[in-house]
N, C-alpha and C. Protein backbone atom coordinates (compact mmCIF):
# COMPACT_ATOMS: atom_id res chain seq x y z
N MET A 1 -10.76 24.72 26.31
CA MET A 1 -10.35 24.28 26.11
C MET A 1 -10.17 23.30 24.53
N ILE A 2 -9.34 22.64 23.48
CA ILE A 2 -9.79 21.93 22.65
C ILE A 2 -8.51 20.65 22.56
N LEU A 3 -8.99 19.89 23.07
CA LEU A 3 -7.96 18.19 23.18
C LEU A 3 -7.91 17.96 21.41
N ALA A 4 -6.17 16.46 21.71
CA ALA A 4 -6.49 16.13 19.64
C ALA A 4 -7.48 14.79 20.33
N GLY A 5 -8.24 14.75 20.98
CA GLY A 5 -8.57 13.56 20.69
C GLY A 5 -10.01 13.76 20.90
N ASP A 6 -10.76 15.13 20.19
CA ASP A 6 -11.88 15.55 20.47
C ASP A 6 -11.71 16.36 19.38
N VAL A 7 -10.56 16.05 18.61
CA VAL A 7 -10.80 16.57 16.92
C VAL A 7 -10.37 15.56 15.48
N PRO A 8 -11.25 15.26 16.10
CA PRO A 8 -11.21 13.57 14.22
C PRO A 8 -9.66 13.43 13.51
N ALA A 9 -9.96 14.92 13.01
CA ALA A 9 -8.26 14.74 11.56
C ALA A 9 -7.29 15.55 12.22
N LEU A 10 -7.31 15.45 14.18
CA LEU A 10 -6.19 14.93 15.17
C LEU A 10 -4.63 13.92 15.57
N VAL A 11 -6.58 13.27 15.92
CA VAL A 11 -6.10 12.19 15.80
C VAL A 11 -5.47 11.15 15.19
N THR A 12 -4.53 10.24 15.12
CA THR A 12 -3.30 9.77 13.88
C THR A 12 -4.05 8.20 13.88
N THR A 13 -4.27 7.80 15.57
CA THR A 13 -4.60 6.03 15.16
C THR A 13 -5.95 5.75 14.38
N THR A 14 -6.71 6.90 14.11
CA THR A 14 -8.09 6.53 14.27
C THR A 14 -7.95 6.05 12.68
N THR A 15 -6.81 7.10 11.64
CA THR A 15 -6.04 6.39 10.52
C THR A 15 -6.43 4.24 10.85
N GLY A 16 -5.04 4.70 11.76
CA GLY A 16 -4.25 3.70 11.26
C GLY A 16 -5.37 2.19 11.16
N ASN A 17 -6.22 3.21 12.52
CA ASN A 17 -7.07 1.14 12.59
C ASN A 17 -7.91 1.44 11.30
N VAL A 18 -8.86 1.78 10.09
CA VAL A 18 -9.54 2.05 10.02
C VAL A 18 -8.59 1.23 8.64
N LEU A 19 -7.24 1.56 8.18
CA LEU A 19 -6.92 0.80 7.60
C LEU A 19 -6.40 -1.25 7.98
N GLU A 20 -6.25 -0.97 9.23
CA GLU A 20 -6.29 -2.45 10.14
C GLU A 20 -7.55 -3.17 9.44
N MET A 21 -8.71 -2.55 10.03
CA MET A 21 -9.84 -2.88 9.90
C MET A 21 -10.25 -2.81 8.33
N LYS A 22 -10.26 -2.54 6.86
CA LYS A 22 -9.98 -3.29 5.64
C LYS A 22 -9.04 -3.69 5.71
N GLN A 23 -8.07 -4.51 6.19
CA GLN A 23 -7.11 -5.63 5.79
C GLN A 23 -7.72 -5.88 6.68
N ALA A 24 -8.20 -6.68 7.48
CA ALA A 24 -8.11 -7.48 7.75
C ALA A 24 -9.05 -8.77 7.60
N PRO A 25 -10.30 -8.45 6.95
CA PRO A 25 -11.38 -9.27 5.80
C PRO A 25 -10.73 -9.65 5.07
N VAL A 26 -9.78 -9.45 4.24
CA VAL A 26 -8.52 -9.13 2.74
C VAL A 26 -8.30 -10.35 2.95
N GLU A 27 -7.41 -10.69 4.49
CA GLU A 27 -6.59 -10.78 4.72
C GLU A 27 -6.90 -12.13 4.89
N TYR A 28 -8.07 -12.71 6.68
CA TYR A 28 -8.62 -13.30 6.21
C TYR A 28 -9.44 -14.32 4.84
N THR A 29 -9.83 -13.65 3.77
CA THR A 29 -10.38 -14.29 3.02
C THR A 29 -9.40 -14.87 2.23
N LEU A 30 -8.31 -14.21 1.87
CA LEU A 30 -7.05 -14.62 1.49
C LEU A 30 -7.03 -16.50 2.14
N HIS A 31 -6.56 -15.98 3.54
CA HIS A 31 -6.40 -17.53 4.61
C HIS A 31 -7.74 -18.70 4.01
N THR A 32 -8.33 -18.07 4.14
CA THR A 32 -9.44 -19.25 3.48
C THR A 32 -9.52 -19.72 2.52
N MET A 33 -9.68 -18.22 1.45
CA MET A 33 -9.29 -19.73 -0.02
C MET A 33 -7.80 -20.49 -0.13
N ALA A 34 -7.58 -20.06 0.37
CA ALA A 34 -5.61 -20.26 0.10
C ALA A 34 -5.99 -22.08 1.43
N LYS A 35 -6.89 -22.39 2.35
CA LYS A 35 -7.46 -23.85 2.78
C LYS A 35 -7.41 -24.04 1.76
N VAL A 36 -9.39 -23.87 1.71
CA VAL A 36 -9.27 -24.63 0.42
C VAL A 36 -9.20 -24.87 -0.62
N ARG A 37 -7.29 -24.10 -1.54
CA ARG A 37 -7.56 -24.17 -2.47
C ARG A 37 -6.46 -26.38 -2.34
N ASP A 38 -5.56 -25.86 -0.39
CA ASP A 38 -4.80 -26.69 -0.26
C ASP A 38 -6.32 -28.17 0.02
N PHE A 39 -6.86 -27.64 0.31
CA PHE A 39 -7.76 -29.42 1.36
C PHE A 39 -8.22 -29.85 -0.39
N MET A 40 -7.87 -28.71 -1.19
CA MET A 40 -8.54 -29.21 -3.04
C MET A 40 -7.85 -30.29 -3.88
N GLU A 41 -5.60 -29.50 -3.22
CA GLU A 41 -5.17 -29.89 -3.72
C GLU A 41 -4.26 -31.00 -3.46
N MET A 42 -5.28 -31.84 -1.96
CA MET A 42 -4.89 -32.81 -0.81
C MET A 42 -5.40 -34.08 -1.01
N TRP A 43 -7.21 -33.23 -1.79
CA TRP A 43 -8.16 -34.50 -2.10
C TRP A 43 -8.01 -35.32 -3.65
N LEU A 44 -7.34 -34.40 -4.80
CA LEU A 44 -6.83 -34.78 -6.04
C LEU A 44 -5.62 -35.76 -5.74
N GLY A 45 -5.00 -35.34 -4.43
CA GLY A 45 -3.80 -36.15 -5.18
C GLY A 45 -3.79 -37.70 -3.78
N SER A 46 -5.14 -37.42 -3.42
CA SER A 46 -6.11 -38.93 -2.59
C SER A 46 -6.21 -39.45 -4.23
N GLN A 47 -7.22 -38.89 -3.91
CA GLN A 47 -7.92 -39.45 -5.39
C GLN A 47 -6.17 -40.35 -6.56
N ILE A 48 -5.87 -39.59 -6.83
CA ILE A 48 -4.66 -40.06 -7.80
C ILE A 48 -4.05 -40.68 -7.27
N MET A 49 -3.89 -41.07 -6.31
CA MET A 49 -3.76 -42.15 -5.35
C MET A 49 -3.91 -43.58 -5.54
N HIS A 50 -5.99 -43.34 -5.05
CA HIS A 50 -6.54 -43.99 -5.27
C HIS A 50 -5.96 -45.24 -6.06
N ASP A 51 -6.69 -43.95 -7.39
CA ASP A 51 -6.16 -45.05 -8.89
C ASP A 51 -5.11 -45.11 -9.73
N THR A 52 -4.92 -44.97 -9.09
CA THR A 52 -2.72 -45.98 -9.58
C THR A 52 -2.66 -46.72 -8.43
N GLN A 53 -3.60 -47.22 -6.73
CA GLN A 53 -3.95 -47.94 -6.61
C GLN A 53 -4.71 -49.17 -6.71
N GLN A 54 -5.88 -48.66 -7.29
CA GLN A 54 -6.66 -50.14 -7.92
C GLN A 54 -6.16 -50.72 -9.85
N GLN A 55 -5.19 -49.43 -10.24
CA GLN A 55 -4.42 -49.91 -11.33
C GLN A 55 -3.87 -51.27 -11.28
N SER A 56 -3.10 -50.39 -10.81
CA SER A 56 -1.96 -52.09 -9.52
C SER A 56 -2.65 -53.20 -9.33
N CYS A 57 -3.13 -52.76 -8.38
CA CYS A 57 -4.27 -53.86 -8.16
C CYS A 57 -4.68 -55.29 -9.27
N THR A 58 -6.06 -53.57 -10.27
CA THR A 58 -5.34 -54.83 -11.19
C THR A 58 -4.51 -55.63 -12.26
N GLN A 59 -3.47 -54.74 -12.45
CA GLN A 59 -2.19 -55.76 -13.40
C GLN A 59 -1.56 -56.46 -11.98
N ASN A 60 -1.47 -56.93 -11.39
CA ASN A 60 -1.46 -57.54 -10.45
C ASN A 60 -1.98 -58.89 -10.27
N ASN A 61 -3.50 -58.85 -10.27
CA ASN A 61 -4.58 -59.69 -10.17
C ASN A 61 -4.66 -60.24 -11.98
N GLN A 62 -4.07 -59.48 -12.41
CA GLN A 62 -4.01 -60.49 -14.63
C GLN A 62 -3.23 -60.72 -14.63
N MET A 63 -1.85 -60.57 -13.76
CA MET A 63 -0.55 -61.38 -13.57
C MET A 63 -0.65 -62.58 -13.37
N THR A 64 -1.41 -62.88 -12.25
CA THR A 64 -1.41 -63.95 -11.52
C THR A 64 -2.37 -64.59 -11.69
N SER A 65 -4.06 -64.37 -12.54
CA SER A 65 -4.31 -65.32 -13.30
C SER A 65 -4.20 -65.08 -14.63
N VAL A 66 -3.35 -65.22 -15.55
CA VAL A 66 -2.57 -65.29 -16.48
C VAL A 66 -1.87 -66.79 -15.86
N GLY A 67 -1.12 -66.70 -14.92
CA GLY A 67 0.36 -68.42 -14.91
C GLY A 67 1.55 -67.96 -14.27
N TYR A 68 1.39 -66.62 -13.74
CA TYR A 68 2.40 -66.56 -12.89
C TYR A 68 2.59 -66.52 -11.29
N LYS A 69 2.03 -68.19 -11.23
CA LYS A 69 1.07 -68.44 -9.77
C LYS A 69 2.94 -69.22 -9.67
N SER A 70 3.35 -69.24 -8.84
CA SER A 70 3.97 -70.30 -7.59
C SER A 70 4.11 -72.00 -7.99
N ASP A 71 4.71 -72.39 -8.18
CA ASP A 71 5.07 -74.06 -8.35
C ASP A 71 4.57 -74.83 -7.04
N THR A 72 4.01 -74.44 -5.88
CA THR A 72 4.24 -74.97 -4.36
C THR A 72 3.48 -75.31 -5.15
């Protein structure tokens, strides 16, 4: 007597499992790439904010040294 589990061609779950196993690394790689991209965008944003704050601080120092001090 031959059972369906004994013949690989008759086992329908094997194909689905193989496909799932092949898709899992691809999904993991894409997820990792998205995390890296998000991290890089956050880092770039922090660098831009830092540069903007430095420029603002420099401008404020220049304004106070020119004569925008209070008369008190």
